[in-house]
């Protein structure tokens, strides 16, 4: 097995050495003809028509979800995607020959259970590989072997692991989990409906007012569920997560491991007020009925997008790749009437739903003069700072950690299926990494979440080889002193990340066959993520619920009648959740029926 992979590694490395450019690695997939990564049967069987009931801009997972629900309800829907591959950030791409990467998003948990069931995603090919254990934090220590923290779904085993660092924390952990679980359950109803339209309350006939009051029910449900614990839960939402964790625990490896969920994808420190909500957002999901579980999608994240697309086309939706939208068509009354493509084609429709970010939707696809000035100002002021550089790596063997050496046969061990947290010994390290980025400098010891999906899904890589996903932060979108994210800066940062991994797992650098480096500007250029922000905008309290993407426009409708926002820039925010697509489709469907 090792000889087979080693020979392939030699061939691939020889080819990489002839070009040796991370920019080339980023765009090489364009020439590979990845038919498996895009849905072609709808586009091949159907020609793009000049008129539909609804057009969805962008085939990210939210756009595909919206299209599926609209078409299921009998609304003739087309989805237009500018890239050659469907899925937005939820894609599988073969960047290095034989290695299939979840190039941007890489884990599944947050997808709403209603979407699983209502779109019959399992029937359309979705298969999820749950992880248990799910979190592994090795330490850099002088002792041999170094200690590590392994967490999974067995509470007794978790307590045994935590007790290495603190008996007190081991006893407190079950209560902490129950406390956070209660908060998640209380907030859950808010995810599946639009925020309350406060402007509509008290207006219209008595019947209309009663109907408007019904929109308050999810909010009332959440309040009732929080009950007497409301002050404590309010503190979780508003305080720095470091303060909350200090109230529960004393051991730094546990606190830092938990804090990663509060800062992942966000330009925030564990000491930033409001970071607690980001943690909640990342524990809101479930897999196969297990709250807070995360897993890999068999075939990579693109297989999820494929399943949603297949559901939509099974009901009759038309989905097209390589159809870039230039602008939204507006009628004399200012209403959206369809879209114009970059090739000059016009597609008319009664509804237009945009899966693009609020910045692209309202600052590029719609004439500014058609929008209220205060709305435009709000969209321009959305905080889209991103700390994330994603590095996809092809390796010829599993990394062997000092804290948990590999077996002799080289087969994956339980910790290889986890999110492996590096440079996470204590929350001070995370804060220091954040502080460096706020001054325009990539972190010297970046927070690294290392995942090896091929440990559970070996078909992603040649026999004996593996794909490694490195979700790293903090890297500023704009570097200090006017420097740019050129090849030198990109590779220098990746080398720094690899040096850090080498400290925990000697031999990692020698195992590397190829790598794909995606800095914040790359994430924006390739996937349309504003500022490289994976959530289409920060998940801070001032940019959530009533205020997402802007006050008075949090219910998916925009200032342009007939134009709706259905992506992560709308409520309830980012992550592979699908809620924004489902909710927006329901709002648009209601309006469509009244036309």
Protein backbone atom coordinates (compact mmCIF):
# COMPACT_ATOMS: atom_id res chain seq x y z
CA UNK A 1 0.00 0.00 0.00
CA UNK A 2 2.74 2.43 1.02
CA UNK A 3 4.80 1.55 -2.09
CA UNK A 4 1.74 2.11 -4.32
CA UNK A 5 1.08 5.53 -2.82
CA UNK A 6 4.77 6.41 -2.79
CA UNK A 7 5.09 5.72 -6.51
CA UNK A 8 2.04 7.85 -7.23
CA UNK A 9 3.39 10.57 -4.97
CA UNK A 10 6.63 10.61 -6.96
CA UNK A 11 4.72 10.99 -10.24
CA UNK A 12 2.49 13.72 -8.89
CA UNK A 13 5.36 15.55 -7.25
CA UNK A 14 7.29 15.52 -10.52
CA UNK A 15 4.36 17.11 -12.27
CA UNK A 16 3.89 19.68 -9.52
CA UNK A 17 7.55 20.59 -9.62
CA UNK A 18 7.24 21.53 -13.29
CA UNK A 19 4.81 24.28 -12.42
CA UNK A 20 5.29 24.74 -8.66
CA UNK A 21 2.79 27.56 -8.17
CA UNK A 22 0.02 27.66 -5.58
CA UNK A 23 -1.91 30.01 -7.87
CA UNK A 24 -1.69 27.34 -10.57
CA UNK A 25 -2.91 24.75 -8.04
CA UNK A 26 -5.93 26.93 -7.30
CA UNK A 27 -7.03 27.11 -10.90
CA UNK A 28 -5.77 23.80 -12.30
CA UNK A 29 -9.09 22.07 -11.56
CA UNK A 30 -10.68 24.19 -14.30
CA UNK A 31 -8.97 22.04 -16.94
CA UNK A 32 -9.81 18.69 -15.37
CA UNK A 33 -13.42 18.45 -16.59
CA UNK A 34 -14.86 17.47 -13.21
CA UNK A 35 -18.20 16.13 -14.40
CA UNK A 36 -18.63 14.38 -11.06
CA UNK A 37 -18.50 17.71 -9.26
CA UNK A 38 -21.25 19.40 -11.18
CA UNK A 39 -24.82 18.56 -12.05
CA UNK A 40 -25.09 18.24 -15.80
CA UNK A 41 -28.21 16.21 -16.49
CA UNK A 42 -30.62 19.14 -16.03
CA UNK A 43 -28.52 21.53 -18.09
CA UNK A 44 -27.91 18.92 -20.77
CA UNK A 45 -31.54 17.87 -21.06
CA UNK A 46 -33.01 21.37 -20.88
CA UNK A 47 -32.06 24.57 -22.66
CA UNK A 48 -32.14 27.81 -20.76
CA UNK A 49 -35.55 29.32 -21.37
CA UNK A 50 -36.18 33.02 -21.62
CA UNK A 51 -38.90 33.05 -18.98
CA UNK A 52 -39.46 31.37 -15.59
CA UNK A 53 -41.56 32.05 -12.56
CA UNK A 54 -38.42 32.38 -10.43
CA UNK A 55 -34.70 32.75 -11.04
CA UNK A 56 -32.11 32.00 -8.36
CA UNK A 57 -28.74 33.74 -8.68
CA UNK A 58 -26.00 31.36 -7.56
CA UNK A 59 -26.01 27.61 -6.95
CA UNK A 60 -24.62 27.67 -3.43
CA UNK A 61 -26.35 25.25 -1.09
CA UNK A 62 -28.87 27.91 0.04
CA UNK A 63 -29.76 28.79 -3.55
CA UNK A 64 -30.25 25.13 -4.40
CA UNK A 65 -32.42 24.64 -1.31
CA UNK A 66 -34.55 27.66 -2.26
CA UNK A 67 -34.93 26.36 -5.82
CA UNK A 68 -35.95 22.91 -4.60
CA UNK A 69 -38.70 24.30 -2.37
CA UNK A 70 -40.00 26.70 -5.03
CA UNK A 71 -40.10 24.01 -7.71
CA UNK A 72 -41.68 21.53 -5.28
CA UNK A 73 -44.49 24.09 -4.84
CA UNK A 74 -45.02 24.32 -8.61
CA UNK A 75 -43.05 27.53 -9.23
CA UNK A 76 -41.04 27.11 -12.44
CA UNK A 77 -37.49 27.84 -11.28
CA UNK A 78 -34.05 28.22 -12.85
CA UNK A 79 -30.73 28.42 -11.01
CA UNK A 80 -27.85 30.29 -12.67
CA UNK A 81 -24.31 29.65 -11.40
CA UNK A 82 -21.26 31.55 -12.67
CA UNK A 83 -18.70 28.83 -11.86
CA UNK A 84 -18.29 25.54 -13.71
CA UNK A 85 -19.19 23.63 -10.55
CA UNK A 86 -22.32 23.76 -8.39
CA UNK A 87 -22.39 24.25 -4.65
CA UNK A 88 -20.83 27.63 -3.88
CA UNK A 89 -18.49 26.96 -0.97
CA UNK A 90 -19.87 23.41 -0.56
CA UNK A 91 -17.97 21.79 -3.43
CA UNK A 92 -15.71 18.82 -4.08
CA UNK A 93 -12.78 19.58 -6.39
CA UNK A 94 -9.91 17.39 -7.56
CA UNK A 95 -7.11 19.90 -7.14
CA UNK A 96 -4.29 17.33 -7.17
CA UNK A 97 -4.85 14.34 -9.50
CA UNK A 98 -6.56 11.54 -7.59
CA UNK A 99 -7.25 13.68 -4.49
CA UNK A 100 -10.78 15.01 -3.99
CA UNK A 101 -11.05 17.95 -1.61
CA UNK A 102 -13.93 19.70 0.10
CA UNK A 103 -12.24 22.84 -1.09
CA UNK A 104 -13.94 25.43 1.13
CA UNK A 105 -16.53 24.16 3.65
CA UNK A 106 -15.55 20.74 4.92
CA UNK A 107 -17.87 19.53 7.73
CA UNK A 108 -21.62 19.00 8.07
CA UNK A 109 -23.84 19.44 11.10
CA UNK A 110 -25.90 22.59 10.80
CA UNK A 111 -28.09 21.53 7.87
CA UNK A 112 -31.64 21.77 9.17
CA UNK A 113 -33.30 18.37 9.79
CA UNK A 114 -36.45 19.57 8.01
CA UNK A 115 -34.44 19.98 4.82
CA UNK A 116 -33.07 16.43 5.10
CA UNK A 117 -36.60 15.10 5.36
CA UNK A 118 -38.60 17.43 3.10
CA UNK A 119 -36.15 17.26 0.20
CA UNK A 120 -35.52 13.51 0.72
CA UNK A 121 -31.79 14.09 0.49
CA UNK A 122 -30.89 10.55 1.49
CA UNK A 123 -32.91 9.23 -1.45
CA UNK A 124 -31.04 11.66 -3.68
CA UNK A 125 -27.66 10.26 -2.67
CA UNK A 126 -26.60 12.10 0.49
CA UNK A 127 -24.61 9.92 2.86
CA UNK A 128 -23.10 11.36 6.03
CA UNK A 129 -20.23 9.81 7.97
CA UNK A 130 -20.59 10.77 11.66
CA UNK A 131 -17.44 11.25 13.73
CA UNK A 132 -17.01 9.79 17.20
CA UNK A 133 -14.73 10.90 18.76
CA UNK A 134 -14.92 14.34 17.19
CA UNK A 135 -12.27 16.56 18.86
CA UNK A 136 -8.57 15.96 19.48
CA UNK A 137 -6.22 18.51 21.04
CA UNK A 138 -2.59 17.35 21.33
CA UNK A 139 -0.26 19.39 23.52
CA UNK A 140 3.36 20.43 23.08
CA UNK A 141 5.00 19.27 26.30
CA UNK A 142 8.41 18.11 27.51
CA UNK A 143 6.92 14.94 28.97
CA UNK A 144 6.89 11.78 26.84
CA UNK A 145 4.40 11.17 25.47
CA UNK A 146 2.77 14.60 25.58
CA UNK A 147 -0.79 14.71 26.84
CA UNK A 148 -3.83 15.21 24.62
CA UNK A 149 -7.55 15.83 25.03
CA UNK A 150 -9.90 13.53 23.10
CA UNK A 151 -13.65 14.29 23.21
CA UNK A 152 -16.55 12.30 21.78
CA UNK A 153 -20.14 11.34 22.54
CA UNK A 154 -19.32 9.10 25.52
CA UNK A 155 -19.59 11.37 28.57
CA UNK A 156 -17.75 9.01 30.92
CA UNK A 157 -14.80 8.83 28.54
CA UNK A 158 -14.86 12.62 28.13
CA UNK A 159 -14.70 13.05 31.89
CA UNK A 160 -11.79 10.64 32.07
CA UNK A 161 -9.94 12.66 29.43
CA UNK A 162 -10.66 15.99 31.13
CA UNK A 163 -9.60 14.60 34.50
CA UNK A 164 -6.01 14.48 33.20
CA UNK A 165 -6.06 18.25 33.58
CA UNK A 166 -8.68 18.88 36.28
CA UNK A 167 -10.97 16.65 38.34
CA UNK A 168 -13.14 19.69 39.01
CA UNK A 169 -13.61 20.30 35.29
CA UNK A 170 -14.42 16.65 34.68
CA UNK A 171 -17.26 16.89 37.19
CA UNK A 172 -18.52 20.20 35.75
CA UNK A 173 -18.47 19.14 32.11
CA UNK A 174 -21.84 17.26 32.00
CA UNK A 175 -23.62 20.25 33.56
CA UNK A 176 -21.96 22.61 31.08
CA UNK A 177 -23.09 20.45 28.16
CA UNK A 178 -26.66 20.34 29.52
CA UNK A 179 -26.67 24.12 30.03
CA UNK A 180 -25.51 24.84 26.48
CA UNK A 181 -27.89 22.20 25.10
CA UNK A 182 -30.80 23.92 26.82
CA UNK A 183 -29.90 27.23 25.25
CA UNK A 184 -29.56 25.69 21.81
CA UNK A 185 -32.97 24.01 22.13
CA UNK A 186 -34.55 27.31 23.17
CA UNK A 187 -33.13 29.26 20.24
CA UNK A 188 -33.78 26.51 17.69
CA UNK A 189 -37.27 27.73 16.61
CA UNK A 190 -35.81 31.10 15.62
CA UNK A 191 -33.77 29.50 12.83
CA UNK A 192 -36.71 28.27 10.78
CA UNK A 193 -38.76 31.42 10.29
CA UNK A 194 -38.13 35.03 9.30
CA UNK A 195 -37.38 37.54 12.05
CA UNK A 196 -40.41 39.44 13.30
CA UNK A 197 -41.36 42.33 11.02
CA UNK A 198 -41.70 44.98 13.71
CA UNK A 199 -42.84 47.60 11.17
CA UNK A 200 -45.91 45.49 10.36
CA UNK A 201 -47.01 45.06 13.97
CA UNK A 202 -50.08 47.15 14.78
CA UNK A 203 -50.78 48.00 11.12
CA UNK A 204 -53.61 46.99 8.84
CA UNK A 205 -56.98 45.46 9.69
CA UNK A 206 -57.59 43.56 12.91
CA UNK A 207 -57.24 40.29 11.00
CA UNK A 208 -53.95 41.40 9.51
CA UNK A 209 -52.69 42.47 12.93
CA UNK A 210 -53.56 39.07 14.37
CA UNK A 211 -51.71 37.39 11.51
CA UNK A 212 -48.70 39.61 12.12
CA UNK A 213 -48.72 38.68 15.80
CA UNK A 214 -48.33 35.04 14.82
CA UNK A 215 -44.83 35.90 13.68
CA UNK A 216 -43.97 36.56 17.33
CA UNK A 217 -44.58 32.92 18.27
CA UNK A 218 -41.02 31.61 17.65
CA UNK A 219 -39.65 34.51 19.72
CA UNK A 220 -42.13 33.79 22.52
CA UNK A 221 -41.25 30.10 22.34
CA UNK A 222 -37.58 30.92 22.81
CA UNK A 223 -38.33 33.22 25.75
CA UNK A 224 -40.53 30.65 27.47
CA UNK A 225 -37.94 27.93 26.97
CA UNK A 226 -35.18 30.09 28.44
CA UNK A 227 -37.38 30.81 31.44
CA UNK A 228 -35.64 31.63 34.71
CA UNK A 229 -32.26 30.95 33.12
CA UNK A 230 -32.71 33.96 30.82
CA UNK A 231 -30.16 36.20 32.67
CA UNK A 232 -27.48 33.49 32.47
CA UNK A 233 -28.21 32.82 28.81
CA UNK A 234 -28.18 36.55 28.07
CA UNK A 235 -24.67 36.65 29.52
CA UNK A 236 -23.56 33.84 27.18
CA UNK A 237 -24.83 35.82 24.19
CA UNK A 238 -23.16 39.09 25.15
CA UNK A 239 -20.02 38.26 27.13
CA UNK A 240 -16.62 37.13 25.87
CA UNK A 241 -16.58 33.35 25.70
CA UNK A 242 -13.43 33.38 27.86
CA UNK A 243 -15.47 34.86 30.72
CA UNK A 244 -18.16 32.19 30.35
CA UNK A 245 -15.67 29.34 30.19
CA UNK A 246 -13.78 30.71 33.20
CA UNK A 247 -17.01 30.40 35.19
CA UNK A 248 -17.18 26.70 34.38
CA UNK A 249 -13.62 25.43 34.06
CA UNK A 250 -10.01 25.93 35.16
CA UNK A 251 -7.98 23.79 32.73
CA UNK A 252 -6.65 25.70 29.74
CA UNK A 253 -6.60 22.85 27.17
CA UNK A 254 -10.33 22.28 27.72
CA UNK A 255 -11.18 25.99 27.65
CA UNK A 256 -9.12 26.61 24.51
CA UNK A 257 -10.61 23.60 22.74
CA UNK A 258 -14.15 24.80 23.49
CA UNK A 259 -13.24 28.40 22.61
CA UNK A 260 -12.28 27.42 19.06
CA UNK A 261 -16.00 27.09 18.26
CA UNK A 262 -16.50 30.67 19.45
CA UNK A 263 -13.92 32.18 17.10
CA UNK A 264 -13.90 29.83 14.10
CA UNK A 265 -14.36 31.86 10.93
CA UNK A 266 -14.67 35.09 12.90
CA UNK A 267 -12.23 37.96 13.32
CA UNK A 268 -12.72 37.80 17.07
CA UNK A 269 -10.74 36.74 20.12
CA UNK A 270 -12.02 34.56 22.96
CA UNK A 271 -11.90 37.85 24.89
CA UNK A 272 -14.22 39.65 22.43
CA UNK A 273 -17.71 40.43 23.82
CA UNK A 274 -20.42 38.48 22.01
CA UNK A 275 -18.14 35.62 20.95
CA UNK A 276 -20.39 33.28 22.90
CA UNK A 277 -23.03 33.39 20.16
CA UNK A 278 -20.57 32.12 17.56
CA UNK A 279 -19.97 29.10 19.79
CA UNK A 280 -23.72 28.50 20.05
CA UNK A 281 -24.06 28.76 16.29
CA UNK A 282 -21.57 25.95 15.89
CA UNK A 283 -23.28 23.60 18.36
CA UNK A 284 -26.82 24.14 17.03
CA UNK A 285 -26.67 21.33 14.50
CA UNK A 286 -27.37 17.63 14.65
CA UNK A 287 -26.62 14.49 12.71
CA UNK A 288 -28.96 11.50 12.69
CA UNK A 289 -30.78 12.92 15.72
CA UNK A 290 -27.64 13.55 17.80
CA UNK A 291 -27.44 17.19 18.87
CA UNK A 292 -24.11 18.93 18.27
CA UNK A 293 -22.64 16.09 16.17
CA UNK A 294 -20.50 16.84 13.12
CA UNK A 295 -19.60 14.56 10.25
CA UNK A 296 -18.08 14.26 6.80
CA UNK A 297 -20.16 13.99 3.65
CA UNK A 298 -19.25 10.84 1.71
CA UNK A 299 -17.67 12.08 -1.52
CA UNK A 300 -16.92 15.50 -0.05
CA UNK A 301 -19.16 18.52 0.51
CA UNK A 302 -19.97 18.68 -3.18
CA UNK A 303 -22.00 15.50 -2.73
CA UNK A 304 -24.37 17.45 -0.46
CA UNK A 305 -24.85 20.12 -3.12
CA UNK A 306 -25.37 17.37 -5.69
CA UNK A 307 -28.09 15.78 -3.56
CA UNK A 308 -29.94 19.09 -3.15
CA UNK A 309 -29.59 19.82 -6.87
CA UNK A 310 -30.91 16.36 -7.74
CA UNK A 311 -33.91 16.96 -5.48
CA UNK A 312 -34.61 20.27 -7.25
CA UNK A 313 -34.27 18.83 -10.75
CA UNK A 314 -36.38 15.81 -9.84
CA UNK A 315 -39.27 18.24 -9.38
CA UNK A 316 -38.38 20.02 -12.62
CA UNK A 317 -36.02 22.86 -11.74
CA UNK A 318 -33.46 23.88 -14.36
CA UNK A 319 -29.91 24.32 -13.06
CA UNK A 320 -27.12 25.77 -15.18
CA UNK A 321 -23.40 26.21 -14.53
CA UNK A 322 -21.23 28.82 -16.27
CA UNK A 323 -24.13 31.30 -16.47
CA UNK A 324 -22.85 34.47 -14.80
CA UNK A 325 -25.51 37.06 -13.92
CA UNK A 326 -24.58 40.62 -14.81
CA UNK A 327 -27.49 42.50 -13.23
CA UNK A 328 -31.09 42.26 -12.10
CA UNK A 329 -33.68 43.46 -14.61
CA UNK A 330 -36.08 46.08 -13.26
CA UNK A 331 -39.41 47.19 -14.64
CA UNK A 332 -40.65 50.78 -14.84
CA UNK A 333 -42.33 50.27 -11.49
CA UNK A 334 -38.99 49.32 -9.95
CA UNK A 335 -39.92 45.67 -9.56
CA UNK A 336 -37.48 42.85 -10.31
CA UNK A 337 -38.38 41.23 -13.62
CA UNK A 338 -35.55 38.77 -14.13
CA UNK A 339 -31.81 38.89 -14.77
CA UNK A 340 -29.35 39.70 -17.54
CA UNK A 341 -26.36 37.41 -18.08
CA UNK A 342 -22.85 38.52 -18.94
CA UNK A 343 -23.28 37.10 -22.43
CA UNK A 344 -26.25 39.44 -22.99
CA UNK A 345 -28.99 36.87 -22.50
CA UNK A 346 -32.05 38.10 -20.59
CA UNK A 347 -34.14 35.72 -18.49
CA UNK A 348 -37.49 37.07 -17.34
CA UNK A 349 -39.16 36.05 -14.09
CA UNK A 350 -41.63 37.24 -11.49
CA UNK A 351 -39.30 36.40 -8.62
CA UNK A 352 -35.53 36.78 -8.29
CA UNK A 353 -33.74 35.18 -5.34
CA UNK A 354 -30.07 35.97 -4.78
CA UNK A 355 -27.77 33.45 -3.12
CA UNK A 356 -24.94 35.93 -3.61
CA UNK A 357 -23.70 38.02 -0.71
CA UNK A 358 -25.56 41.23 0.22
CA UNK A 359 -22.58 43.19 -1.09
CA UNK A 360 -22.70 41.58 -4.54
CA UNK A 361 -26.51 41.58 -4.66
CA UNK A 362 -27.11 45.20 -3.72
CA UNK A 363 -23.86 46.95 -4.63
CA UNK A 364 -23.14 45.22 -7.96
CA UNK A 365 -26.30 43.63 -9.39
CA UNK A 366 -28.79 46.44 -8.66
CA UNK A 367 -28.50 50.15 -9.65
CA UNK A 368 -27.70 52.18 -6.54
CA UNK A 369 -30.30 54.80 -7.44
CA UNK A 370 -33.04 52.20 -7.01
CA UNK A 371 -32.13 51.59 -3.36
CA UNK A 372 -32.65 53.76 -0.25
CA UNK A 373 -29.45 55.60 0.64
CA UNK A 374 -29.51 54.43 4.26
CA UNK A 375 -29.89 50.82 3.10
CA UNK A 376 -26.88 51.11 0.78
CA UNK A 377 -24.87 52.66 3.61
CA UNK A 378 -25.81 49.77 5.92
CA UNK A 379 -24.72 47.18 3.35
CA UNK A 380 -21.41 48.98 2.84
CA UNK A 381 -20.85 49.02 6.60
CA UNK A 382 -21.40 45.29 7.17
CA UNK A 383 -18.34 43.85 8.89
CA UNK A 384 -16.94 41.27 6.48
CA UNK A 385 -13.46 40.90 7.96
CA UNK A 386 -12.19 37.36 7.65
CA UNK A 387 -9.39 35.66 9.57
CA UNK A 388 -9.44 32.47 7.50
CA UNK A 389 -6.89 30.90 5.23
CA UNK A 390 -7.94 27.43 4.07
CA UNK A 391 -5.15 25.09 2.97
CA UNK A 392 -5.97 21.80 1.24
CA UNK A 393 -3.13 19.28 1.34
CA UNK A 394 -2.48 15.96 -0.41
CA UNK A 395 -0.25 13.64 1.66
CA UNK A 396 1.21 10.19 1.09
CA UNK A 397 0.59 8.99 4.67
CA UNK A 398 -1.29 9.85 7.82
CA UNK A 399 0.27 12.39 10.17
CA UNK A 400 1.71 10.71 13.27
CA UNK A 401 1.29 12.88 16.36
CA UNK A 402 3.76 12.72 19.24
CA UNK A 403 0.79 12.57 21.61
CA UNK A 404 -0.76 9.64 19.70
CA UNK A 405 1.68 7.85 17.37
CA UNK A 406 0.38 5.93 14.37
CA UNK A 407 -0.17 2.19 14.37
CA UNK A 408 2.44 0.08 12.58
CA UNK A 409 0.04 -0.77 9.75
CA UNK A 410 -0.57 2.94 9.04
CA UNK A 411 -4.34 2.58 9.39
CA UNK A 412 -6.39 5.52 10.76
CA UNK A 413 -6.82 5.65 14.53
CA UNK A 414 -9.85 7.18 16.29
CA UNK A 415 -8.24 10.61 16.65
CA UNK A 416 -7.59 10.83 12.90
CA UNK A 417 -11.33 11.25 12.23
CA UNK A 418 -11.52 14.28 14.58
CA UNK A 419 -11.16 18.00 14.25
CA UNK A 420 -7.55 18.18 15.42
CA UNK A 421 -6.83 21.46 17.22
CA UNK A 422 -3.25 22.71 17.06
CA UNK A 423 -1.79 25.73 18.84
CA UNK A 424 -4.76 25.48 21.18
CA UNK A 425 -3.03 24.76 24.50
CA UNK A 426 -4.59 27.87 26.06
CA UNK A 427 -6.86 30.78 25.23
CA UNK A 428 -3.94 33.22 25.48
CA UNK A 429 -2.43 31.63 22.35
CA UNK A 430 -5.70 32.23 20.48
CA UNK A 431 -5.86 35.83 21.66
CA UNK A 432 -2.24 36.44 20.68
CA UNK A 433 -2.87 35.05 17.21
CA UNK A 434 -5.89 37.36 16.88
CA UNK A 435 -3.96 40.42 18.07
CA UNK A 436 -1.24 39.94 15.47
CA UNK A 437 -3.84 39.81 12.69
CA UNK A 438 -5.53 43.01 13.85
CA UNK A 439 -2.23 44.74 13.11
CA UNK A 440 -2.11 43.30 9.61
CA UNK A 441 0.26 40.41 10.30
CA UNK A 442 -0.58 36.71 9.83
CA UNK A 443 -0.34 34.86 13.14
CA UNK A 444 3.03 33.41 14.06
CA UNK A 445 1.30 30.51 15.80
CA UNK A 446 -2.02 30.34 13.97
CA UNK A 447 -4.99 28.44 15.30
CA UNK A 448 -5.19 25.31 13.15
CA UNK A 449 -8.15 22.97 12.76
CA UNK A 450 -6.79 19.94 10.93
CA UNK A 451 -9.24 17.40 9.48
CA UNK A 452 -8.56 14.20 7.54
CA UNK A 453 -11.87 13.23 5.90
CA UNK A 454 -10.22 10.35 4.02
CA UNK A 455 -9.79 8.63 7.40
CA UNK A 456 -13.52 7.83 7.17
CA UNK A 457 -13.94 8.20 3.39
CA UNK A 458 -10.92 6.50 1.78
CA UNK A 459 -12.28 7.02 -1.74
CA UNK A 460 -11.19 10.66 -1.56
CA UNK A 461 -7.53 9.76 -2.11
CA UNK A 462 -5.42 7.05 -3.77
CA UNK A 463 -4.79 3.94 -1.69
CA UNK A 464 -2.62 4.72 1.35
CA UNK A 465 -2.75 8.48 0.70
CA UNK A 466 -4.96 11.08 2.36
CA UNK A 467 -6.51 14.51 1.95
CA UNK A 468 -5.95 16.98 4.76
CA UNK A 469 -8.03 20.09 5.38
CA UNK A 470 -6.36 22.94 7.28
CA UNK A 471 -8.73 25.65 8.46
CA UNK A 472 -6.37 28.27 9.84
CA UNK A 473 -6.58 31.71 11.40
CA UNK A 474 -5.78 34.47 11.90
CA UNK A 475 -4.82 35.99 8.56
CA UNK A 476 -5.98 39.53 7.75
CA UNK A 477 -7.61 40.28 4.41
CA UNK A 478 -5.33 43.30 4.03
CA UNK A 479 -1.70 42.98 5.07
CA UNK A 480 0.26 45.69 6.88
CA UNK A 481 2.48 48.21 5.10
CA UNK A 482 0.62 47.89 1.81
CA UNK A 483 1.81 44.33 1.18
CA UNK A 484 -0.34 42.05 -0.95
CA UNK A 485 -1.18 38.37 -0.70
CA UNK A 486 1.17 37.47 -3.54
CA UNK A 487 2.79 34.07 -4.11
CA UNK A 488 5.58 34.82 -1.69
CA UNK A 489 3.28 35.90 1.14
CA UNK A 490 0.90 33.02 0.50
CA UNK A 491 3.63 30.40 0.55
CA UNK A 492 5.41 31.96 3.52
CA UNK A 493 2.25 31.68 5.60
CA UNK A 494 1.58 28.10 4.47
CA UNK A 495 5.18 27.19 5.37
CA UNK A 496 4.61 28.64 8.83
CA UNK A 497 1.46 26.53 9.25
CA UNK A 498 3.36 23.41 8.13
CA UNK A 499 6.17 24.18 10.58
CA UNK A 500 3.59 24.29 13.38
CA UNK A 501 2.11 20.95 12.35
CA UNK A 502 5.61 19.48 12.18
CA UNK A 503 6.08 20.36 15.86
CA UNK A 504 3.09 18.17 16.77
CA UNK A 505 3.54 15.52 14.08
CA UNK A 506 7.17 15.17 12.90
CA UNK A 507 7.38 13.97 9.31
CA UNK A 508 4.27 15.84 8.16
CA UNK A 509 6.17 18.15 5.80
CA UNK A 510 7.90 15.20 4.14
CA UNK A 511 4.52 13.58 3.46
CA UNK A 512 3.15 16.52 1.45
CA UNK A 513 2.49 15.89 -2.25
CA UNK A 514 0.66 19.11 -3.13
CA UNK A 515 -1.21 22.00 -1.53
CA UNK A 516 -3.86 24.58 -2.37
CA UNK A 517 -3.65 27.86 -0.41
CA UNK A 518 -6.77 30.02 -0.14
CA UNK A 519 -6.19 33.34 1.65
CA UNK A 520 -9.11 35.74 2.31
CA UNK A 521 -8.70 37.45 -1.10
CA UNK A 522 -8.67 34.02 -2.79
CA UNK A 523 -11.86 32.98 -0.97
CA UNK A 524 -13.49 36.19 -2.18
CA UNK A 525 -12.24 35.84 -5.77
CA UNK A 526 -13.19 32.18 -6.22
CA UNK A 527 -16.30 31.77 -4.07
CA UNK A 528 -17.69 35.32 -3.88
CA UNK A 529 -17.26 35.46 -0.10
CA UNK A 530 -17.07 39.18 0.81
CA UNK A 531 -13.67 39.86 2.33
CA UNK A 532 -13.20 36.09 2.39
CA UNK A 533 -15.80 35.88 5.18
CA UNK A 534 -17.28 32.37 5.23
CA UNK A 535 -20.53 33.68 6.74
CA UNK A 536 -21.12 36.48 4.15
CA UNK A 537 -20.61 38.86 7.10
CA UNK A 538 -19.66 38.63 10.76
CA UNK A 539 -21.95 36.71 13.13
CA UNK A 540 -21.82 39.40 15.82
CA UNK A 541 -25.03 40.32 17.64
CA UNK A 542 -25.28 43.66 15.80
CA UNK A 543 -25.42 41.72 12.50
CA UNK A 544 -27.95 39.02 13.43
CA UNK A 545 -31.72 38.50 13.47
CA UNK A 546 -33.40 41.95 13.10
CA UNK A 547 -30.19 43.47 11.69
CA UNK A 548 -29.20 40.85 9.08
CA UNK A 549 -28.40 42.14 6.50
CA UNK A 550 -29.88 45.49 7.59
CA UNK A 551 -32.61 46.69 9.97
CA UNK A 552 -36.13 46.50 8.48
CA UNK A 553 -34.88 44.10 5.77
CA UNK A 554 -34.24 40.95 7.80
CA UNK A 555 -37.22 39.03 6.39
CA UNK A 556 -35.57 38.11 3.02
CA UNK A 557 -37.49 40.79 1.07
CA UNK A 558 -35.33 43.62 -0.22
CA UNK A 559 -36.09 47.26 -1.08
CA UNK A 560 -36.64 46.00 -4.65
CA UNK A 561 -40.07 44.31 -4.87
CA UNK A 562 -39.69 40.78 -6.18
CA UNK A 563 -35.98 40.53 -5.19
CA UNK A 564 -35.11 38.33 -2.21
CA UNK A 565 -31.90 37.51 -0.39
CA UNK A 566 -31.60 33.76 0.24
CA UNK A 567 -27.92 33.28 1.13
CA UNK A 568 -25.82 33.31 4.29
CA UNK A 569 -25.98 37.11 4.45
CA UNK A 570 -29.63 36.73 5.48
CA UNK A 571 -31.06 35.31 8.73
CA UNK A 572 -29.96 33.06 10.42
CA UNK A 573 -26.47 33.45 8.94
CA UNK A 574 -23.61 31.32 7.72
CA UNK A 575 -22.63 27.70 7.85
CA UNK A 576 -23.98 24.87 5.72
CA UNK A 577 -27.42 25.25 7.25
CA UNK A 578 -29.87 25.78 4.38
CA UNK A 579 -32.26 27.69 6.64
CA UNK A 580 -31.89 30.97 4.75
CA UNK A 581 -32.73 29.24 1.46
CA UNK A 582 -35.75 27.43 2.90
CA UNK A 583 -37.10 30.49 4.74
CA UNK A 584 -36.59 32.82 1.77
CA UNK A 585 -38.38 30.39 -0.54
CA UNK A 586 -41.38 30.31 1.79
CA UNK A 587 -41.55 34.12 1.90
CA UNK A 588 -41.18 34.40 -1.89
CA UNK A 589 -43.78 31.67 -2.43
CA UNK A 590 -46.26 33.54 -0.26
CA UNK A 591 -45.72 36.69 -2.34
CA UNK A 592 -45.92 34.75 -5.61
CA UNK A 593 -49.35 33.40 -4.72
CA UNK A 594 -50.64 36.93 -4.18
CA UNK A 595 -49.43 38.24 -7.55
